[in-house]
Protein backbone atom coordinates (compact mmCIF):
# COMPACT_ATOMS: atom_id res chain seq x y z
CA MET A 1 0.04 0.06 0.09
CA SER A 2 1.66 3.24 -1.19
CA THR A 3 1.10 6.51 0.64
CA LYS A 4 1.55 10.18 -0.75
CA PRO A 5 4.87 11.71 -0.13
CA PRO A 6 4.85 14.83 2.13
CA VAL A 7 4.21 18.24 0.50
CA LEU A 8 7.38 20.25 0.24
CA ALA A 9 7.50 23.92 0.11
CA GLY A 10 9.62 26.78 1.78
CA ILE A 11 10.73 30.32 1.76
CA VAL A 12 13.44 31.80 -0.12
CA GLY A 13 15.46 34.90 0.98
CA TRP A 14 18.76 36.52 2.03
CA PRO A 15 19.18 36.52 4.86
CA ILE A 16 16.43 34.17 6.18
CA ALA A 17 17.19 33.14 9.67
CA HIS A 18 14.79 36.04 10.87
CA SER A 19 11.88 34.52 9.06
CA LEU A 20 8.83 33.40 11.08
CA SER A 21 7.28 31.93 8.10
CA PRO A 22 8.59 28.21 8.79
CA LEU A 23 7.04 28.26 12.31
CA LEU A 24 3.76 29.72 11.09
CA HIS A 25 3.43 27.28 8.06
CA ASN A 26 4.72 24.20 9.86
CA ASN A 27 2.19 24.86 12.88
CA TRP A 28 -0.73 25.09 10.34
CA LEU A 29 0.37 21.89 8.65
CA GLN A 30 0.31 20.23 12.23
CA GLN A 31 -3.14 21.73 13.08
CA GLY A 32 -4.63 20.76 9.88
CA LYS A 33 -2.91 17.01 10.05
CA ILE A 34 -1.24 17.56 6.65
CA SER A 35 1.60 15.72 5.58
CA GLY A 36 4.28 18.50 4.55
CA PHE A 37 7.30 20.44 5.29
CA TYR A 38 8.13 24.19 4.94
CA VAL A 39 11.80 24.95 5.17
CA PRO A 40 13.81 28.24 5.12
CA LEU A 41 16.29 28.57 2.19
CA ALA A 42 18.98 31.06 2.32
CA VAL A 43 19.91 32.19 -1.26
CA ARG A 44 21.96 34.92 -2.45
CA ARG A 45 20.62 37.27 -5.12
CA GLU A 46 23.08 35.86 -7.84
CA ASP A 47 21.97 32.37 -7.21
CA PHE A 48 18.19 32.91 -7.15
CA SER A 49 17.25 31.76 -10.50
CA GLU A 50 19.48 28.59 -10.56
CA VAL A 51 18.06 27.52 -7.21
CA ILE A 52 14.68 28.02 -8.03
CA GLN A 53 14.93 25.71 -11.02
CA ALA A 54 16.70 23.21 -8.85
CA LEU A 55 13.68 23.16 -6.39
CA ARG A 56 11.34 22.82 -9.18
CA HIS A 57 13.08 19.58 -10.15
CA SER A 58 13.43 18.54 -6.41
CA GLY A 59 9.69 17.74 -5.64
CA PHE A 60 9.00 21.05 -4.32
CA VAL A 61 5.19 22.56 -4.92
CA GLY A 62 6.59 26.09 -4.57
CA VAL A 63 8.02 28.62 -2.59
CA ASN A 64 7.35 32.02 -0.98
CA VAL A 65 9.88 34.62 -1.74
CA THR A 66 11.17 37.36 0.47
CA VAL A 67 13.85 40.11 0.42
CA PRO A 68 15.58 40.53 -1.98
CA HIS A 69 14.14 38.44 -4.59
CA LYS A 70 10.54 39.48 -5.03
CA GLU A 71 11.04 41.42 -8.43
CA ALA A 72 13.35 38.69 -9.50
CA ALA A 73 10.30 36.12 -8.89
CA PHE A 74 8.08 38.04 -10.86
CA ALA A 75 10.51 38.29 -13.65
CA ILE A 76 11.26 34.60 -14.14
CA ALA A 77 7.77 33.47 -13.87
CA ASP A 78 5.87 32.16 -16.78
CA ARG A 79 2.63 33.28 -15.64
CA CYS A 80 1.71 36.02 -13.26
CA ASP A 81 -1.52 36.98 -11.36
CA ARG A 82 -2.93 40.44 -11.70
CA THR A 83 -1.71 41.69 -8.48
CA SER A 84 1.80 40.54 -9.26
CA THR A 85 1.82 42.20 -12.55
CA LEU A 86 0.63 45.50 -11.18
CA ALA A 87 3.28 45.43 -8.35
CA GLY A 88 6.05 44.08 -10.53
CA ALA A 89 7.08 41.86 -7.77
CA SER A 90 5.86 38.38 -6.35
CA ASN A 91 6.11 36.67 -3.00
CA LEU A 92 4.88 33.27 -4.05
CA LEU A 93 6.11 31.11 -6.87
CA LEU A 94 4.03 27.79 -7.68
CA PHE A 95 5.81 25.05 -9.73
CA GLY A 96 3.49 23.40 -12.26
CA LYS A 97 4.68 20.62 -14.57
CA ASP A 98 5.25 22.80 -17.29
CA CYS A 99 4.59 26.39 -15.93
CA MET A 100 5.91 28.26 -12.91
CA GLU A 101 3.24 30.83 -11.68
CA ALA A 102 3.94 33.80 -9.49
CA ARG A 103 1.38 35.40 -7.25
CA ASN A 104 1.45 38.25 -4.85
CA THR A 105 -0.34 37.92 -1.52
CA ASP A 106 1.43 40.81 0.22
CA VAL A 107 -1.12 43.37 -0.97
CA ALA A 108 -4.15 41.32 0.46
CA GLY A 109 -2.03 40.81 3.80
CA LEU A 110 -1.20 44.47 4.20
CA LYS A 111 -4.62 45.48 3.31
CA ALA A 112 -6.18 43.33 5.87
CA SER A 113 -3.73 44.29 8.41
CA LEU A 114 -4.23 47.93 7.86
CA ARG A 115 -8.04 47.45 7.93
CA GLU A 116 -7.67 45.70 11.38
CA ALA A 117 -5.81 48.76 12.66
CA LEU A 118 -7.84 51.61 11.22
CA GLY A 119 -11.38 50.28 10.29
CA GLU A 120 -12.89 50.69 7.06
CA THR A 121 -13.31 54.44 6.46
CA SER A 122 -11.05 56.38 8.78
CA ILE A 123 -8.17 56.66 6.26
CA LYS A 124 -10.06 57.35 3.00
CA GLY A 125 -8.84 60.51 1.15
CA ARG A 126 -6.16 61.06 3.48
CA ALA A 127 -2.24 61.41 3.04
CA ALA A 128 0.02 58.47 3.33
CA VAL A 129 4.05 58.50 3.08
CA LEU A 130 5.64 55.28 2.02
CA LEU A 131 9.06 54.55 2.74
CA GLY A 132 11.04 52.56 0.12
CA ALA A 133 10.67 51.69 -3.58
CA GLY A 134 11.55 47.92 -3.78
CA GLY A 135 9.11 44.94 -4.12
CA ALA A 136 7.57 45.26 -0.57
CA ALA A 137 6.96 49.12 -1.50
CA ARG A 138 5.19 48.12 -4.75
CA ALA A 139 2.84 45.98 -3.00
CA ALA A 140 2.31 48.53 -0.20
CA VAL A 141 1.25 51.15 -2.84
CA LEU A 142 -1.48 48.75 -3.97
CA ALA A 143 -2.71 48.01 -0.79
CA LEU A 144 -2.79 51.62 0.35
CA ASP A 145 -4.83 52.52 -2.80
CA ALA A 146 -7.12 49.77 -2.07
CA ILE A 147 -7.91 50.85 1.64
CA GLY A 148 -8.85 54.36 -0.06
CA VAL A 149 -5.93 56.83 0.55
CA GLY A 150 -5.97 60.00 -1.44
CA THR A 151 -2.30 60.62 -1.79
CA ILE A 152 0.87 58.44 -1.56
CA ALA A 153 4.30 60.13 -1.10
CA ILE A 154 6.97 57.69 -2.00
CA LEU A 155 10.17 58.49 -0.15
CA ASN A 156 13.53 56.61 -1.07
CA ARG A 157 17.26 57.49 -0.81
CA SER A 158 17.33 57.04 -4.27
CA PRO A 159 14.64 59.48 -5.70
CA GLY A 160 14.81 58.11 -9.24
CA ARG A 161 13.68 54.80 -7.90
CA ALA A 162 10.94 56.38 -6.24
CA ALA A 163 9.91 58.30 -9.47
CA ALA A 164 10.27 54.87 -11.51
CA LEU A 165 7.71 53.14 -8.97
CA ALA A 166 5.27 56.32 -9.04
CA SER A 167 5.29 56.26 -12.89
CA ALA A 168 4.73 52.43 -13.04
CA LEU A 169 1.74 52.34 -10.67
CA GLY A 170 0.41 55.81 -10.97
CA PRO A 171 -1.90 54.81 -14.15
CA SER A 172 -3.31 51.84 -11.97
CA THR A 173 -4.22 53.65 -8.71
CA ARG A 174 -6.77 56.09 -7.86
CA ALA A 175 -4.58 57.65 -5.19
CA ARG A 176 -2.11 60.32 -6.50
CA LEU A 177 1.47 59.20 -6.34
CA SER A 178 4.52 61.52 -5.95
CA ALA A 179 8.28 60.74 -5.51
CA HIS A 180 10.54 62.40 -3.04
CA SER A 181 13.94 62.03 -1.31
CA PHE A 182 14.26 61.44 2.30
CA SER A 183 15.41 64.94 2.96
CA GLU A 184 11.75 66.05 2.06
CA TRP A 185 10.38 64.35 4.88
CA GLY A 186 10.52 67.29 7.31
CA THR A 187 8.03 69.44 4.92
CA MET A 188 5.18 66.62 4.83
CA GLY A 189 5.13 65.14 8.30
CA ALA A 190 2.25 67.38 9.51
CA ALA A 191 -0.09 66.50 6.93
CA THR A 192 0.70 62.65 7.02
CA SER A 193 -2.21 60.41 8.35
CA LEU A 194 -0.29 57.13 7.72
CA LEU A 195 3.21 56.32 7.56
CA VAL A 196 4.51 52.99 6.23
CA ASN A 197 8.18 51.82 6.45
CA ALA A 198 8.71 49.25 3.41
CA THR A 199 12.34 49.27 3.69
CA SER A 200 14.52 46.62 5.54
CA ALA A 201 15.68 49.31 7.78
CA GLY A 202 15.11 48.22 11.53
CA MET A 203 14.99 44.44 10.65
CA LYS A 204 17.17 42.37 13.20
CA GLY A 205 20.83 42.73 11.61
CA ALA A 206 19.96 45.52 9.39
CA GLY A 207 20.59 49.31 10.02
CA THR A 208 18.06 51.47 11.81
CA LEU A 209 15.90 54.14 10.22
CA ASN A 210 16.86 57.63 11.31
CA LEU A 211 13.60 59.38 10.76
CA SER A 212 12.00 61.91 13.35
CA LEU A 213 8.39 61.58 14.00
CA SER A 214 7.98 64.90 15.84
CA ARG A 215 5.88 66.67 13.21
CA LEU A 216 3.21 63.71 12.75
CA PRO A 217 -0.14 64.68 14.01
CA ARG A 218 -1.26 62.92 17.09
CA THR A 219 -3.93 60.89 15.19
CA ALA A 220 -1.43 59.44 12.69
CA LEU A 221 -0.64 55.72 12.39
CA VAL A 222 2.81 54.29 11.93
CA CYS A 223 3.07 50.85 10.20
CA ASP A 224 6.48 49.15 9.86
CA LEU A 225 6.53 46.02 7.75
CA VAL A 226 9.42 44.62 9.69
CA TYR A 227 8.10 42.18 12.41
CA ASN A 228 11.61 41.17 13.88
CA PRO A 229 11.98 42.60 16.21
CA LEU A 230 8.49 43.28 16.91
CA GLU A 231 9.14 46.81 18.10
CA THR A 232 11.36 48.52 15.84
CA ALA A 233 13.17 51.90 16.71
CA LEU A 234 10.69 53.60 14.61
CA LEU A 235 7.68 51.93 16.35
CA ARG A 236 9.22 52.56 19.69
CA GLN A 237 9.53 56.11 18.63
CA ALA A 238 5.97 56.32 17.48
CA ARG A 239 4.47 54.90 20.79
CA ARG A 240 6.76 57.42 22.94
CA ARG A 241 4.87 60.27 20.98
CA GLY A 242 1.58 58.32 21.68
CA LEU A 243 0.85 57.57 18.13
CA LYS A 244 -0.77 54.29 17.19
CA ALA A 245 1.96 51.85 15.79
CA ILE A 246 1.44 48.47 14.06
CA ASN A 247 4.34 46.02 13.12
CA GLY A 248 4.38 43.57 10.32
CA LEU A 249 3.29 40.52 12.12
CA SER A 250 -0.57 40.91 11.25
CA MET A 251 0.71 41.38 7.55
CA LEU A 252 2.82 38.26 7.64
CA ILE A 253 -0.12 36.14 9.09
CA HIS A 254 -2.53 37.46 6.54
CA GLN A 255 -0.36 37.05 3.50
CA ALA A 256 0.63 33.55 4.54
CA ALA A 257 -3.06 32.29 4.63
CA PRO A 258 -3.43 32.25 0.89
CA SER A 259 -0.01 31.12 0.42
CA PHE A 260 -0.48 28.08 2.63
CA LYS A 261 -3.94 27.44 0.52
CA ALA A 262 -1.89 27.30 -2.61
CA LEU A 263 0.91 25.31 -1.56
CA PHE A 264 -0.72 22.71 0.74
CA GLY A 265 -4.58 22.86 0.03
CA GLY A 266 -5.50 23.60 3.45
CA ALA A 267 -7.40 26.51 4.75
CA PRO A 268 -5.75 28.10 7.70
CA LYS A 269 -7.45 30.01 10.26
CA VAL A 270 -5.91 33.59 11.18
CA THR A 271 -6.54 33.69 15.04
CA PRO A 272 -5.20 35.61 17.95
CA ALA A 273 -3.85 32.41 19.16
CA ILE A 274 -1.36 32.14 16.08
CA ARG A 275 -0.30 35.58 16.84
CA ARG A 276 0.58 35.01 20.32
CA TYR A 277 2.46 31.65 19.14
CA LEU A 278 4.77 33.70 16.92
CA GLU A 279 5.09 36.51 19.28
CA LYS A 280 6.33 34.48 22.02
CA ALA A 281 8.62 32.64 19.56
CA LEU A 282 10.16 35.91 18.71
CA HIS A 283 10.68 36.83 22.35
CA GLU A 284 12.47 33.50 22.77
CA PHE A 285 14.66 33.95 19.70
CA SER A 286 15.76 37.39 20.78
């Protein structure tokens, strides 16, 4: 009597040791009594394409993709979903027999996370500032547009990258996009209702983000997509000033649910218990 082999999937990034995705997915596998494994895969930028092809031929059904590979994942796919096409970046690759499909669940994950924090209508028509212009920032633009912000100012150390992002996504968004350098932050803080950090600054092992929040209004929300550590210097500063602040853990969980369903076929539950489980793991690792 033959048994089906376990389903193999994982997450590809550089670095990858910080990722909670293996803990999250393997917990869901255990809860759903699904035979499978989800493993972390540390892959350098220059090795990405070669490793992906090797995984396709090694029995993996697919992988999630994180920094710095999201734009490369979109580029090498045979077929892309609409969100990936708009974002120009993908966080999920599914390996079919003759076709590799790219999907982007980051947009839905951030949208759900922000709606949890803000409600349905409180941000509509207001001004958002987005830090960064990479793959995570592309997804963030689409999520911010989906929750109804009126304007999105994209700040990046390279203003040219910010301008390229605004130009690429501007025709697809209702929100008005503009590009700026970090040096312009001081002139726009007072009118900002939502600040989102989509850079890796603040992540464990990375540099910190040197940005003053002194001009933000008391009603502003600060969202850092980093979740390891749970409280970055940016969020710590926000809380000291009495601002509402959320980390990237909710986004991680919400984007992981559709990824899990695509990879393993189960329908995981997003619950407070799974959040507490991941928070405890982060405290133990730190």
